[in-house]
Amino acid sequence: MKTNDKVETAIVALLRHSLVDQLTFAKVAREAGVHWTTVKRYFGSKEAMHGRVRAAEGSQHLGTRERLLAAAKQVFKQRGYDKATLDEISAEAKLTKGAIYWYFDSKDDVFLALMDVVLTDLLREIPEMVEQVFEQPDPEKAIKAMVKHEFQRCIDDPPTLLYEFVSRRRDERVKQQLDGSFAMLFTGTEEVMQALQKRGKVSKQVDARQAAITLHALMNGTILMWAVAPESVSLLDLADTVATTMVNTMIKQ
């Protein structure tokens, strides 16, 4: 199979459990079995990759279910769960409302399926990113770059969908999915921390489980404070402080 075909096939496979704007060069490269620079050369930029994939949404390569979930993501982000309607989702997907009922029984089912996609992607992405950062020759510099990048990404595309999930935690099905997903996230990050400790990248004086939870609390807690009070909290101004706290807690002991 030609390299270009491998890349295209990898994207189709990833879209079974990820949305278009969650695709990265690294993810596509891992799925295709090529180096990430190969994917970058093929598309030029991440924005160009996302644009080309979205342009193909009407083709046979992207399934109807993926199109519906991509549309649901946009509608739930813009309108919130309570105001969002199945008519709006089908219109965003450029499909009939009947297409929704072919795959989902209700708006709740669409919402829970979207949660599964977003949280599964979170489980795959964050532990891998943490491991890559701590493995860098200068982990302190890499951690600062990571925090700034993630904070800038939140500014450019606020994580309103995740807040929407949390706001519906009273729903028992949502609660179970959130509890299960975040338990797996903490465990996955803990395992990364333990592996890094064995390689001397993270202090062995640190409890790996507590370090994993602290890392997510520092990042997500700061982002939450910014979301609640954006006029009082500057994410980018806090990036170095958050990164330095991580370094002092996990490396310099």
Protein backbone atom coordinates (compact mmCIF):
# COMPACT_ATOMS: atom_id res chain seq x y z
CA MET A 1 0.00 0.00 0.00
CA LYS A 2 1.30 3.46 -0.92
CA THR A 3 2.08 5.89 1.90
CA ASN A 4 -0.74 8.23 0.88
CA ASP A 5 -3.20 5.35 0.97
CA LYS A 6 -1.94 4.34 4.43
CA VAL A 7 -2.56 7.87 5.69
CA GLU A 8 -6.07 8.04 4.23
CA THR A 9 -6.94 4.59 5.60
CA ALA A 10 -5.61 5.56 9.03
CA ILE A 11 -7.83 8.65 9.11
CA VAL A 12 -10.92 6.62 8.27
CA ALA A 13 -10.05 4.18 11.07
CA LEU A 14 -9.46 6.97 13.61
CA LEU A 15 -12.77 8.64 12.77
CA ARG A 16 -14.57 5.59 14.14
CA HIS A 17 -13.72 6.81 17.65
CA SER A 18 -12.50 10.40 17.16
CA LEU A 19 -13.90 13.58 15.67
CA VAL A 20 -12.22 15.50 12.85
CA ASP A 21 -10.77 18.28 14.99
CA GLN A 22 -9.22 15.70 17.34
CA LEU A 23 -7.00 14.33 14.58
CA THR A 24 -3.30 15.12 14.97
CA PHE A 25 -0.26 14.26 12.85
CA ALA A 26 1.01 11.98 15.63
CA LYS A 27 -2.26 10.02 15.89
CA VAL A 28 -2.55 9.54 12.15
CA ALA A 29 1.10 8.53 11.92
CA ARG A 30 0.76 5.90 14.66
CA GLU A 31 -2.32 4.43 13.01
CA ALA A 32 -0.69 4.44 9.56
CA GLY A 33 2.67 3.11 10.76
CA VAL A 34 4.62 6.08 9.37
CA HIS A 35 6.58 8.99 10.87
CA TRP A 36 4.55 12.05 11.83
CA THR A 37 6.59 14.23 9.46
CA THR A 38 5.28 12.10 6.59
CA VAL A 39 1.72 13.06 7.53
CA LYS A 40 2.74 16.71 7.87
CA ARG A 41 4.32 16.70 4.41
CA TYR A 42 1.17 15.15 2.96
CA PHE A 43 -1.21 17.77 4.38
CA GLY A 44 1.04 20.78 5.07
CA SER A 45 -0.68 21.80 8.29
CA LYS A 46 -3.14 20.42 10.84
CA GLU A 47 -5.73 22.95 9.68
CA ALA A 48 -5.33 21.79 6.09
CA MET A 49 -5.73 18.17 7.20
CA HIS A 50 -8.94 18.96 9.08
CA GLY A 51 -10.24 20.97 6.13
CA ARG A 52 -9.65 18.16 3.66
CA VAL A 53 -11.30 15.62 5.91
CA ARG A 54 -14.33 17.86 6.47
CA ALA A 55 -14.57 18.44 2.73
CA ALA A 56 -14.86 14.68 2.31
CA GLU A 57 -17.65 14.37 4.88
CA GLY A 58 -20.21 13.87 2.15
CA SER A 59 -18.21 11.08 0.52
CA GLN A 60 -18.46 7.36 1.11
CA HIS A 61 -15.24 7.38 3.15
CA LEU A 62 -16.86 8.96 6.20
CA GLY A 63 -19.77 7.13 7.82
CA THR A 64 -23.13 8.67 8.61
CA ARG A 65 -22.70 8.05 12.34
CA GLU A 66 -19.41 9.97 12.37
CA ARG A 67 -21.02 12.87 10.51
CA LEU A 68 -23.89 12.96 13.01
CA LEU A 69 -21.53 12.96 16.00
CA ALA A 70 -19.35 15.67 14.45
CA ALA A 71 -22.51 17.74 13.92
CA ALA A 72 -23.73 17.01 17.44
CA LYS A 73 -20.44 18.23 18.84
CA GLN A 74 -20.86 21.60 17.16
CA VAL A 75 -24.53 21.96 18.14
CA PHE A 76 -24.03 20.95 21.79
CA LYS A 77 -21.07 23.32 22.07
CA GLN A 78 -23.00 26.24 20.61
CA ARG A 79 -26.45 25.63 22.09
CA GLY A 80 -25.90 23.47 25.17
CA TYR A 81 -27.70 20.20 25.81
CA ASP A 82 -31.06 21.66 26.86
CA LYS A 83 -31.47 23.96 23.86
CA ALA A 84 -29.98 21.63 21.24
CA THR A 85 -32.46 19.74 19.07
CA LEU A 86 -32.22 16.71 16.81
CA ASP A 87 -33.43 18.90 13.95
CA GLU A 88 -30.42 21.19 14.42
CA ILE A 89 -28.05 18.22 14.55
CA SER A 90 -29.43 16.68 11.37
CA ALA A 91 -29.29 20.07 9.64
CA GLU A 92 -25.67 20.59 10.72
CA ALA A 93 -24.82 17.12 9.38
CA LYS A 94 -26.77 17.82 6.16
CA LEU A 95 -28.74 14.64 6.74
CA THR A 96 -32.39 13.85 7.40
CA LYS A 97 -33.70 13.55 10.93
CA GLY A 98 -34.49 9.93 10.11
CA ALA A 99 -30.76 9.28 9.80
CA ILE A 100 -30.39 10.11 13.49
CA TYR A 101 -33.03 7.58 14.50
CA TRP A 102 -31.27 4.93 12.43
CA TYR A 103 -28.30 5.16 14.83
CA PHE A 104 -29.70 6.71 18.02
CA ASP A 105 -32.94 6.43 19.97
CA SER A 106 -32.96 9.95 21.41
CA LYS A 107 -31.00 13.13 22.07
CA ASP A 108 -29.71 11.46 25.25
CA ASP A 109 -28.25 8.63 23.17
CA VAL A 110 -26.51 11.09 20.85
CA PHE A 111 -25.11 12.95 23.84
CA LEU A 112 -23.80 9.77 25.52
CA ALA A 113 -22.25 8.52 22.27
CA LEU A 114 -20.51 11.87 21.83
CA MET A 115 -19.26 11.70 25.41
CA ASP A 116 -17.79 8.29 24.67
CA VAL A 117 -15.92 9.61 21.61
CA VAL A 118 -14.55 12.70 23.37
CA LEU A 119 -13.55 10.95 26.60
CA THR A 120 -12.01 7.98 24.77
CA ASP A 121 -9.87 10.41 22.81
CA LEU A 122 -8.89 12.12 26.06
CA LEU A 123 -7.82 8.76 27.51
CA ARG A 124 -5.63 8.06 24.49
CA GLU A 125 -4.10 11.50 24.10
CA ILE A 126 -3.14 12.84 27.52
CA PRO A 127 -1.03 9.96 28.93
CA GLU A 128 0.86 9.75 25.61
CA MET A 129 1.49 13.50 25.66
CA VAL A 130 2.75 13.39 29.27
CA GLU A 131 5.18 10.59 28.46
CA GLN A 132 6.53 12.39 25.39
CA VAL A 133 7.08 15.61 27.34
CA PHE A 134 8.93 14.03 30.26
CA GLU A 135 11.14 12.05 27.86
CA GLN A 136 12.51 15.22 26.24
CA PRO A 137 16.20 16.13 26.81
CA ASP A 138 15.03 19.27 28.64
CA PRO A 139 11.75 18.21 30.31
CA GLU A 140 11.34 21.51 32.16
CA LYS A 141 11.35 23.43 28.88
CA ALA A 142 9.07 20.83 27.28
CA ILE A 143 6.57 21.00 30.16
CA LYS A 144 6.37 24.78 29.88
CA ALA A 145 5.81 24.50 26.13
CA MET A 146 3.11 21.86 26.67
CA VAL A 147 1.22 23.93 29.25
CA LYS A 148 1.32 27.05 27.06
CA HIS A 149 0.17 25.05 24.05
CA GLU A 150 -2.74 23.46 25.92
CA PHE A 151 -3.80 26.79 27.45
CA GLN A 152 -3.67 28.50 24.06
CA ARG A 153 -5.74 25.68 22.60
CA CYS A 154 -8.37 26.29 25.29
CA ILE A 155 -8.41 29.99 24.48
CA ASP A 156 -8.84 29.25 20.77
CA ASP A 157 -11.40 26.50 21.31
CA PRO A 158 -12.87 26.60 24.84
CA PRO A 159 -13.70 23.12 26.25
CA THR A 160 -17.38 23.96 26.64
CA LEU A 161 -18.39 20.43 25.67
CA LEU A 162 -16.57 18.93 28.65
CA TYR A 163 -18.33 21.44 30.94
CA GLU A 164 -21.60 20.36 29.35
CA PHE A 165 -20.81 16.75 30.29
CA VAL A 166 -19.99 17.70 33.87
CA SER A 167 -23.09 19.87 34.21
CA ARG A 168 -25.25 16.81 33.49
CA ARG A 169 -23.56 14.63 36.09
CA ARG A 170 -26.86 14.19 37.97
CA ASP A 171 -27.91 11.87 35.15
CA GLU A 172 -26.82 8.43 36.38
CA ARG A 173 -25.58 7.33 32.95
CA VAL A 174 -23.50 10.48 32.57
CA LYS A 175 -22.14 10.07 36.10
CA GLN A 176 -21.07 6.48 35.43
CA GLN A 177 -19.40 7.41 32.16
CA LEU A 178 -17.53 10.35 33.69
CA ASP A 179 -16.46 8.34 36.74
CA GLY A 180 -15.25 5.45 34.60
CA SER A 181 -13.44 7.60 32.07
CA PHE A 182 -11.62 9.76 34.61
CA ALA A 183 -10.68 6.73 36.70
CA MET A 184 -9.09 5.26 33.57
CA LEU A 185 -7.42 8.60 32.80
CA PHE A 186 -5.84 8.75 36.26
CA THR A 187 -4.76 5.12 36.07
CA GLY A 188 -3.28 5.57 32.61
CA THR A 189 -1.33 8.64 33.70
CA GLU A 190 -0.24 6.86 36.89
CA GLU A 191 1.20 4.00 34.83
CA VAL A 192 3.08 6.53 32.68
CA MET A 193 4.46 8.16 35.84
CA GLN A 194 5.61 4.79 37.19
CA ALA A 195 7.38 4.01 33.92
CA LEU A 196 9.04 7.44 33.95
CA GLN A 197 10.17 6.87 37.54
CA LYS A 198 11.88 3.64 36.51
CA ARG A 199 13.73 5.54 33.78
CA GLY A 200 14.74 8.29 36.19
CA LYS A 201 12.61 10.96 34.52
CA VAL A 202 10.30 11.53 37.52
CA SER A 203 11.34 11.59 41.17
CA LYS A 204 10.82 8.26 42.95
CA GLN A 205 9.90 10.21 46.08
CA VAL A 206 6.64 11.16 44.40
CA ASP A 207 3.58 8.90 44.70
CA ALA A 208 2.74 8.12 41.07
CA ARG A 209 -1.02 8.11 41.66
CA GLN A 210 -0.99 11.43 43.48
CA ALA A 211 1.31 12.92 40.83
CA ALA A 212 -1.11 11.87 38.08
CA ILE A 213 -4.11 13.43 39.81
CA THR A 214 -2.13 16.57 40.70
CA LEU A 215 -1.04 17.04 37.09
CA HIS A 216 -4.64 16.96 35.85
CA ALA A 217 -5.84 19.11 38.74
CA LEU A 218 -3.27 21.81 38.01
CA MET A 219 -4.16 21.94 34.33
CA ASN A 220 -7.92 21.49 34.53
CA GLY A 221 -8.33 23.53 37.71
CA THR A 222 -6.59 26.51 36.16
CA ILE A 223 -8.64 26.17 32.97
CA LEU A 224 -11.85 25.98 35.03
CA MET A 225 -10.96 29.17 36.94
CA TRP A 226 -10.33 30.90 33.62
CA ALA A 227 -13.65 29.67 32.23
CA VAL A 228 -15.50 30.96 35.31
CA ALA A 229 -13.68 34.31 35.54
CA PRO A 230 -11.85 35.05 32.27
CA GLU A 231 -11.46 38.75 33.13
CA SER A 232 -9.58 37.90 36.32
CA VAL A 233 -7.60 34.85 35.19
CA SER A 234 -5.06 35.01 32.37
CA LEU A 235 -4.25 31.48 31.23
CA LEU A 236 -1.08 32.38 29.36
CA ASP A 237 0.25 34.49 32.25
CA LEU A 238 -0.24 31.51 34.57
CA ALA A 239 1.35 28.96 32.22
CA ASP A 240 4.90 29.29 33.57
CA THR A 241 3.71 29.12 37.18
CA VAL A 242 1.69 25.97 36.52
CA ALA A 243 4.60 24.39 34.64
CA THR A 244 7.12 25.31 37.37
CA THR A 245 4.83 23.76 40.00
CA MET A 246 4.74 20.54 38.00
CA VAL A 247 8.52 20.51 37.64
CA ASN A 248 9.14 21.22 41.34
CA THR A 249 6.60 18.60 42.38
CA MET A 250 7.53 15.77 40.03
CA ILE A 251 11.16 16.25 38.98
CA LYS A 252 13.13 18.43 41.40
CA GLN A 253 12.88 16.44 44.61
